[in-house]
Amino acid sequence: MALPERLTIRSLYLYLVCLVTLVIALFAAVELTRSTVGLFYPDPGYYGLAVPPEGLSAAELQRQEELARQSQLRNDVLGVVGSATTLLIAAPLYLYHWRRVQSELPARVPQPAAPGTEPR
C-alpha cells in the first residue's frame, strides 16, 4: 500500500477531526474528574482573618463563608455539567470520523509466507 494512496484531502480531514475531537475529549475527561473531586472533597478555602475586622460581626463573617462555599459548589457543578456535555459531544464525533477512516482504508491482501516458514 503506497503512502500517496492514503493521503488524500478527505483522509487528512478525517484524521484531523479525529485528532481534535480526541484531544477535546481528553481535556473534558480531565476537567470532569477535577470537578467531580471538587464536589466530594471541597477546597477548605481562605475566609478572611482570624480576628474579624472592625464593623464585621461574627454572624456576617459566617454568612460570607457560607456564600463562598455555595459559590465553590456551584462552580464545581457547572464544571461537571460543562465537561460532561463536552465529552458527550466530542466522543460520538470522534467515533463517527474514526469509523469513516477505518471503512475507507483499502483491504489488506494477505502476504504469502516465505518458503520454509509456517503460516500464522
N, C-alpha and C. Protein backbone atom coordinates (compact mmCIF):
# COMPACT_ATOMS: atom_id res chain seq x y z
N MET A 1 0.86 -1.16 0.00
CA MET A 1 0.00 0.00 0.00
C MET A 1 0.91 1.22 0.00
N ALA A 2 0.78 2.02 -1.01
CA ALA A 2 1.62 3.21 -1.14
C ALA A 2 1.04 4.34 -0.30
N LEU A 3 1.92 5.14 0.22
CA LEU A 3 1.51 6.25 1.07
C LEU A 3 0.63 7.26 0.33
N PRO A 4 0.93 7.65 -0.92
CA PRO A 4 0.09 8.65 -1.58
C PRO A 4 -1.37 8.19 -1.76
N GLU A 5 -1.61 6.88 -1.82
CA GLU A 5 -2.99 6.40 -1.94
C GLU A 5 -3.81 6.77 -0.71
N ARG A 6 -3.17 6.78 0.45
CA ARG A 6 -3.88 7.04 1.70
C ARG A 6 -3.96 8.52 2.03
N LEU A 7 -3.05 9.33 1.53
CA LEU A 7 -3.03 10.74 1.88
C LEU A 7 -3.80 11.57 0.86
N THR A 8 -5.08 11.62 1.05
CA THR A 8 -5.92 12.49 0.25
C THR A 8 -6.41 13.61 1.15
N ILE A 9 -7.00 14.61 0.53
CA ILE A 9 -7.55 15.72 1.32
C ILE A 9 -8.62 15.19 2.28
N ARG A 10 -9.44 14.27 1.80
CA ARG A 10 -10.51 13.71 2.62
C ARG A 10 -9.94 12.94 3.82
N SER A 11 -8.94 12.11 3.57
CA SER A 11 -8.38 11.33 4.68
C SER A 11 -7.65 12.23 5.68
N LEU A 12 -6.98 13.26 5.19
CA LEU A 12 -6.33 14.20 6.10
C LEU A 12 -7.37 14.92 6.95
N TYR A 13 -8.48 15.30 6.33
CA TYR A 13 -9.57 15.94 7.07
C TYR A 13 -10.09 15.00 8.16
N LEU A 14 -10.34 13.75 7.81
CA LEU A 14 -10.88 12.80 8.77
C LEU A 14 -9.90 12.57 9.92
N TYR A 15 -8.63 12.42 9.60
CA TYR A 15 -7.62 12.24 10.66
C TYR A 15 -7.52 13.49 11.54
N LEU A 16 -7.60 14.67 10.95
CA LEU A 16 -7.51 15.90 11.71
C LEU A 16 -8.71 16.05 12.66
N VAL A 17 -9.90 15.74 12.17
CA VAL A 17 -11.09 15.81 13.03
C VAL A 17 -10.95 14.79 14.17
N CYS A 18 -10.45 13.61 13.88
CA CYS A 18 -10.23 12.61 14.93
C CYS A 18 -9.25 13.12 15.97
N LEU A 19 -8.17 13.72 15.53
CA LEU A 19 -7.18 14.25 16.46
C LEU A 19 -7.77 15.34 17.35
N VAL A 20 -8.45 16.28 16.74
CA VAL A 20 -9.01 17.40 17.50
C VAL A 20 -10.06 16.91 18.50
N THR A 21 -10.97 16.05 18.05
CA THR A 21 -12.01 15.57 18.97
C THR A 21 -11.43 14.69 20.07
N LEU A 22 -10.38 13.95 19.77
CA LEU A 22 -9.74 13.14 20.81
C LEU A 22 -9.09 14.02 21.87
N VAL A 23 -8.41 15.08 21.45
CA VAL A 23 -7.79 16.00 22.40
C VAL A 23 -8.86 16.70 23.23
N ILE A 24 -9.94 17.13 22.59
CA ILE A 24 -11.04 17.78 23.33
C ILE A 24 -11.63 16.80 24.35
N ALA A 25 -11.83 15.56 23.94
CA ALA A 25 -12.39 14.55 24.86
C ALA A 25 -11.45 14.29 26.03
N LEU A 26 -10.15 14.27 25.79
CA LEU A 26 -9.19 14.06 26.88
C LEU A 26 -9.23 15.21 27.88
N PHE A 27 -9.23 16.44 27.38
CA PHE A 27 -9.30 17.59 28.28
C PHE A 27 -10.62 17.62 29.04
N ALA A 28 -11.72 17.25 28.38
CA ALA A 28 -13.01 17.22 29.06
C ALA A 28 -13.03 16.15 30.14
N ALA A 29 -12.40 15.01 29.88
CA ALA A 29 -12.35 13.94 30.89
C ALA A 29 -11.53 14.38 32.11
N VAL A 30 -10.44 15.08 31.87
CA VAL A 30 -9.63 15.58 32.98
C VAL A 30 -10.43 16.60 33.79
N GLU A 31 -11.10 17.52 33.12
CA GLU A 31 -11.89 18.53 33.81
C GLU A 31 -13.06 17.90 34.56
N LEU A 32 -13.68 16.88 33.97
CA LEU A 32 -14.77 16.17 34.64
C LEU A 32 -14.27 15.53 35.93
N THR A 33 -13.11 14.91 35.88
CA THR A 33 -12.53 14.29 37.07
C THR A 33 -12.21 15.34 38.13
N ARG A 34 -11.61 16.45 37.72
CA ARG A 34 -11.26 17.51 38.66
C ARG A 34 -12.50 18.10 39.33
N SER A 35 -13.53 18.36 38.54
CA SER A 35 -14.75 18.94 39.09
C SER A 35 -15.48 17.96 40.01
N THR A 36 -15.45 16.68 39.65
CA THR A 36 -16.10 15.67 40.49
C THR A 36 -15.37 15.55 41.82
N VAL A 37 -14.06 15.55 41.79
CA VAL A 37 -13.30 15.52 43.04
C VAL A 37 -13.60 16.76 43.86
N GLY A 38 -13.74 17.92 43.21
CA GLY A 38 -14.08 19.15 43.91
C GLY A 38 -15.43 19.09 44.61
N LEU A 39 -16.36 18.33 44.05
CA LEU A 39 -17.67 18.17 44.69
C LEU A 39 -17.58 17.37 45.98
N PHE A 40 -16.77 16.32 45.96
CA PHE A 40 -16.69 15.42 47.11
C PHE A 40 -15.58 15.79 48.10
N TYR A 41 -14.62 16.57 47.64
CA TYR A 41 -13.53 16.99 48.51
C TYR A 41 -13.28 18.48 48.26
N PRO A 42 -14.15 19.34 48.81
CA PRO A 42 -14.05 20.77 48.50
C PRO A 42 -12.82 21.42 49.10
N ASP A 43 -12.42 22.49 48.48
CA ASP A 43 -11.31 23.30 48.96
C ASP A 43 -11.72 23.93 50.29
N PRO A 44 -10.86 23.85 51.32
CA PRO A 44 -11.24 24.44 52.60
C PRO A 44 -11.39 25.95 52.52
N GLY A 45 -10.72 26.56 51.57
CA GLY A 45 -10.87 27.99 51.36
C GLY A 45 -10.17 28.83 52.40
N TYR A 46 -10.10 30.07 52.09
CA TYR A 46 -9.48 31.05 52.99
C TYR A 46 -10.51 32.14 53.18
N TYR A 47 -11.09 32.18 54.35
CA TYR A 47 -12.24 33.04 54.59
C TYR A 47 -11.89 34.25 55.45
N GLY A 48 -10.82 34.86 55.20
CA GLY A 48 -10.53 36.09 55.92
C GLY A 48 -9.57 35.89 57.06
N LEU A 49 -9.63 36.81 57.96
CA LEU A 49 -8.68 36.87 59.07
C LEU A 49 -9.20 36.10 60.28
N ALA A 50 -8.30 35.77 61.18
CA ALA A 50 -8.69 35.08 62.41
C ALA A 50 -9.52 36.01 63.29
N VAL A 51 -9.18 37.28 63.25
CA VAL A 51 -9.94 38.27 64.01
C VAL A 51 -10.76 39.07 63.00
N PRO A 52 -12.08 39.08 63.16
CA PRO A 52 -12.89 39.82 62.20
C PRO A 52 -12.55 41.31 62.23
N PRO A 53 -12.54 41.96 61.06
CA PRO A 53 -12.26 43.40 61.03
C PRO A 53 -13.36 44.18 61.77
N GLU A 54 -13.04 45.42 62.09
CA GLU A 54 -13.99 46.29 62.78
C GLU A 54 -15.27 46.42 61.96
N GLY A 55 -16.38 46.35 62.64
CA GLY A 55 -17.67 46.54 61.98
C GLY A 55 -18.22 45.28 61.34
N LEU A 56 -17.47 44.18 61.38
CA LEU A 56 -17.94 42.93 60.78
C LEU A 56 -18.25 41.95 61.90
N SER A 57 -19.50 41.65 62.04
CA SER A 57 -19.91 40.77 63.14
C SER A 57 -19.57 39.32 62.81
N ALA A 58 -19.60 38.48 63.83
CA ALA A 58 -19.33 37.06 63.63
C ALA A 58 -20.39 36.44 62.73
N ALA A 59 -21.64 36.89 62.86
CA ALA A 59 -22.72 36.36 62.01
C ALA A 59 -22.48 36.73 60.55
N GLU A 60 -22.02 37.97 60.30
CA GLU A 60 -21.74 38.40 58.92
C GLU A 60 -20.57 37.62 58.35
N LEU A 61 -19.55 37.37 59.15
CA LEU A 61 -18.40 36.58 58.71
C LEU A 61 -18.84 35.16 58.36
N GLN A 62 -19.71 34.59 59.20
CA GLN A 62 -20.24 33.24 58.95
C GLN A 62 -21.05 33.23 57.64
N ARG A 63 -21.83 34.27 57.41
CA ARG A 63 -22.63 34.35 56.18
C ARG A 63 -21.74 34.42 54.95
N GLN A 64 -20.65 35.19 55.03
CA GLN A 64 -19.74 35.29 53.90
C GLN A 64 -19.03 33.97 53.62
N GLU A 65 -18.68 33.24 54.68
CA GLU A 65 -18.06 31.92 54.49
C GLU A 65 -19.03 30.97 53.80
N GLU A 66 -20.30 31.01 54.21
CA GLU A 66 -21.31 30.14 53.60
C GLU A 66 -21.53 30.51 52.14
N LEU A 67 -21.55 31.79 51.84
CA LEU A 67 -21.68 32.23 50.44
C LEU A 67 -20.49 31.75 49.60
N ALA A 68 -19.30 31.78 50.17
CA ALA A 68 -18.11 31.31 49.46
C ALA A 68 -18.20 29.81 49.19
N ARG A 69 -18.69 29.04 50.17
CA ARG A 69 -18.86 27.59 49.98
C ARG A 69 -19.89 27.30 48.89
N GLN A 70 -21.00 28.03 48.93
CA GLN A 70 -22.04 27.83 47.91
C GLN A 70 -21.53 28.20 46.52
N SER A 71 -20.74 29.24 46.44
CA SER A 71 -20.17 29.64 45.16
C SER A 71 -19.22 28.58 44.62
N GLN A 72 -18.41 28.01 45.49
CA GLN A 72 -17.49 26.96 45.07
C GLN A 72 -18.26 25.72 44.60
N LEU A 73 -19.30 25.35 45.34
CA LEU A 73 -20.12 24.21 44.96
C LEU A 73 -20.78 24.45 43.60
N ARG A 74 -21.29 25.65 43.39
CA ARG A 74 -21.92 25.97 42.11
C ARG A 74 -20.91 25.87 40.97
N ASN A 75 -19.71 26.40 41.18
CA ASN A 75 -18.68 26.33 40.14
C ASN A 75 -18.30 24.88 39.83
N ASP A 76 -18.21 24.03 40.85
CA ASP A 76 -17.88 22.63 40.61
C ASP A 76 -19.00 21.91 39.86
N VAL A 77 -20.25 22.20 40.21
CA VAL A 77 -21.38 21.58 39.50
C VAL A 77 -21.39 22.04 38.04
N LEU A 78 -21.17 23.33 37.82
CA LEU A 78 -21.10 23.83 36.45
C LEU A 78 -19.94 23.20 35.68
N GLY A 79 -18.83 22.97 36.36
CA GLY A 79 -17.69 22.31 35.72
C GLY A 79 -18.02 20.88 35.32
N VAL A 80 -18.72 20.15 36.20
CA VAL A 80 -19.11 18.77 35.88
C VAL A 80 -20.06 18.76 34.69
N VAL A 81 -21.05 19.63 34.71
CA VAL A 81 -22.03 19.67 33.62
C VAL A 81 -21.36 20.07 32.31
N GLY A 82 -20.52 21.09 32.35
CA GLY A 82 -19.86 21.56 31.13
C GLY A 82 -18.92 20.52 30.54
N SER A 83 -18.12 19.89 31.37
CA SER A 83 -17.16 18.91 30.84
C SER A 83 -17.87 17.63 30.41
N ALA A 84 -18.93 17.24 31.11
CA ALA A 84 -19.69 16.06 30.69
C ALA A 84 -20.37 16.31 29.34
N THR A 85 -20.90 17.51 29.16
CA THR A 85 -21.52 17.87 27.88
C THR A 85 -20.49 17.86 26.76
N THR A 86 -19.34 18.44 27.02
CA THR A 86 -18.28 18.44 26.01
C THR A 86 -17.87 17.02 25.65
N LEU A 87 -17.76 16.17 26.65
CA LEU A 87 -17.39 14.78 26.41
C LEU A 87 -18.47 14.05 25.62
N LEU A 88 -19.73 14.31 25.95
CA LEU A 88 -20.84 13.67 25.23
C LEU A 88 -20.97 14.15 23.79
N ILE A 89 -20.46 15.31 23.48
CA ILE A 89 -20.47 15.79 22.10
C ILE A 89 -19.23 15.31 21.34
N ALA A 90 -18.06 15.39 21.97
CA ALA A 90 -16.81 15.06 21.28
C ALA A 90 -16.66 13.56 21.03
N ALA A 91 -17.08 12.72 21.96
CA ALA A 91 -16.88 11.27 21.80
C ALA A 91 -17.62 10.71 20.59
N PRO A 92 -18.90 11.00 20.38
CA PRO A 92 -19.56 10.47 19.18
C PRO A 92 -18.97 11.03 17.88
N LEU A 93 -18.55 12.30 17.90
CA LEU A 93 -17.91 12.85 16.70
C LEU A 93 -16.62 12.11 16.38
N TYR A 94 -15.84 11.84 17.41
CA TYR A 94 -14.60 11.08 17.21
C TYR A 94 -14.91 9.69 16.66
N LEU A 95 -15.84 8.99 17.30
CA LEU A 95 -16.16 7.63 16.86
C LEU A 95 -16.66 7.60 15.43
N TYR A 96 -17.51 8.55 15.07
CA TYR A 96 -18.04 8.59 13.71
C TYR A 96 -16.92 8.78 12.69
N HIS A 97 -16.06 9.75 12.93
CA HIS A 97 -14.98 10.02 11.96
C HIS A 97 -13.95 8.89 11.95
N TRP A 98 -13.65 8.30 13.11
CA TRP A 98 -12.69 7.21 13.13
C TRP A 98 -13.22 5.99 12.36
N ARG A 99 -14.51 5.72 12.49
CA ARG A 99 -15.10 4.62 11.72
C ARG A 99 -15.07 4.90 10.24
N ARG A 100 -15.26 6.16 9.86
CA ARG A 100 -15.16 6.53 8.44
C ARG A 100 -13.73 6.29 7.94
N VAL A 101 -12.75 6.67 8.73
CA VAL A 101 -11.35 6.44 8.35
C VAL A 101 -11.12 4.94 8.15
N GLN A 102 -11.57 4.14 9.11
CA GLN A 102 -11.34 2.70 9.04
C GLN A 102 -12.07 2.06 7.87
N SER A 103 -13.26 2.53 7.56
CA SER A 103 -14.02 1.94 6.45
C SER A 103 -13.43 2.31 5.09
N GLU A 104 -12.70 3.40 5.02
CA GLU A 104 -12.12 3.82 3.74
C GLU A 104 -10.71 3.31 3.51
N LEU A 105 -10.16 2.61 4.49
CA LEU A 105 -8.84 2.02 4.28
C LEU A 105 -8.96 0.89 3.28
N PRO A 106 -7.99 0.77 2.37
CA PRO A 106 -8.03 -0.35 1.44
C PRO A 106 -7.88 -1.67 2.19
N ALA A 107 -8.54 -2.70 1.65
CA ALA A 107 -8.46 -4.02 2.29
C ALA A 107 -7.03 -4.54 2.19
N ARG A 108 -6.58 -5.17 3.25
CA ARG A 108 -5.22 -5.73 3.25
C ARG A 108 -5.23 -7.08 2.56
N VAL A 109 -4.30 -7.24 1.67
CA VAL A 109 -4.14 -8.51 0.98
C VAL A 109 -3.14 -9.33 1.77
N PRO A 110 -3.49 -10.58 2.14
CA PRO A 110 -2.53 -11.38 2.91
C PRO A 110 -1.25 -11.62 2.11
N GLN A 111 -0.13 -11.46 2.78
CA GLN A 111 1.17 -11.68 2.15
C GLN A 111 1.47 -13.18 2.15
N PRO A 112 1.99 -13.70 1.04
CA PRO A 112 2.35 -15.12 1.02
C PRO A 112 3.51 -15.37 1.99
N ALA A 113 3.45 -16.52 2.63
CA ALA A 113 4.50 -16.88 3.59
C ALA A 113 5.79 -17.19 2.84
N ALA A 114 6.91 -16.86 3.45
CA ALA A 114 8.21 -17.16 2.86
C ALA A 114 8.42 -18.67 2.88
N PRO A 115 9.13 -19.20 1.91
CA PRO A 115 9.37 -20.64 1.89
C PRO A 115 10.11 -21.08 3.15
N GLY A 116 9.63 -22.17 3.74
CA GLY A 116 10.27 -22.73 4.91
C GLY A 116 9.74 -22.18 6.22
N THR A 117 8.73 -21.29 6.18
CA THR A 117 8.14 -20.77 7.41
C THR A 117 6.71 -21.23 7.53
N GLU A 118 6.26 -21.28 8.75
CA GLU A 118 4.87 -21.69 8.97
C GLU A 118 3.94 -20.50 8.86
N PRO A 119 2.76 -20.68 8.27
CA PRO A 119 1.80 -19.57 8.23
C PRO A 119 1.26 -19.29 9.62
N ARG A 120 0.88 -18.07 9.87
CA ARG A 120 0.34 -17.68 11.18
C ARG A 120 -1.11 -17.96 11.29
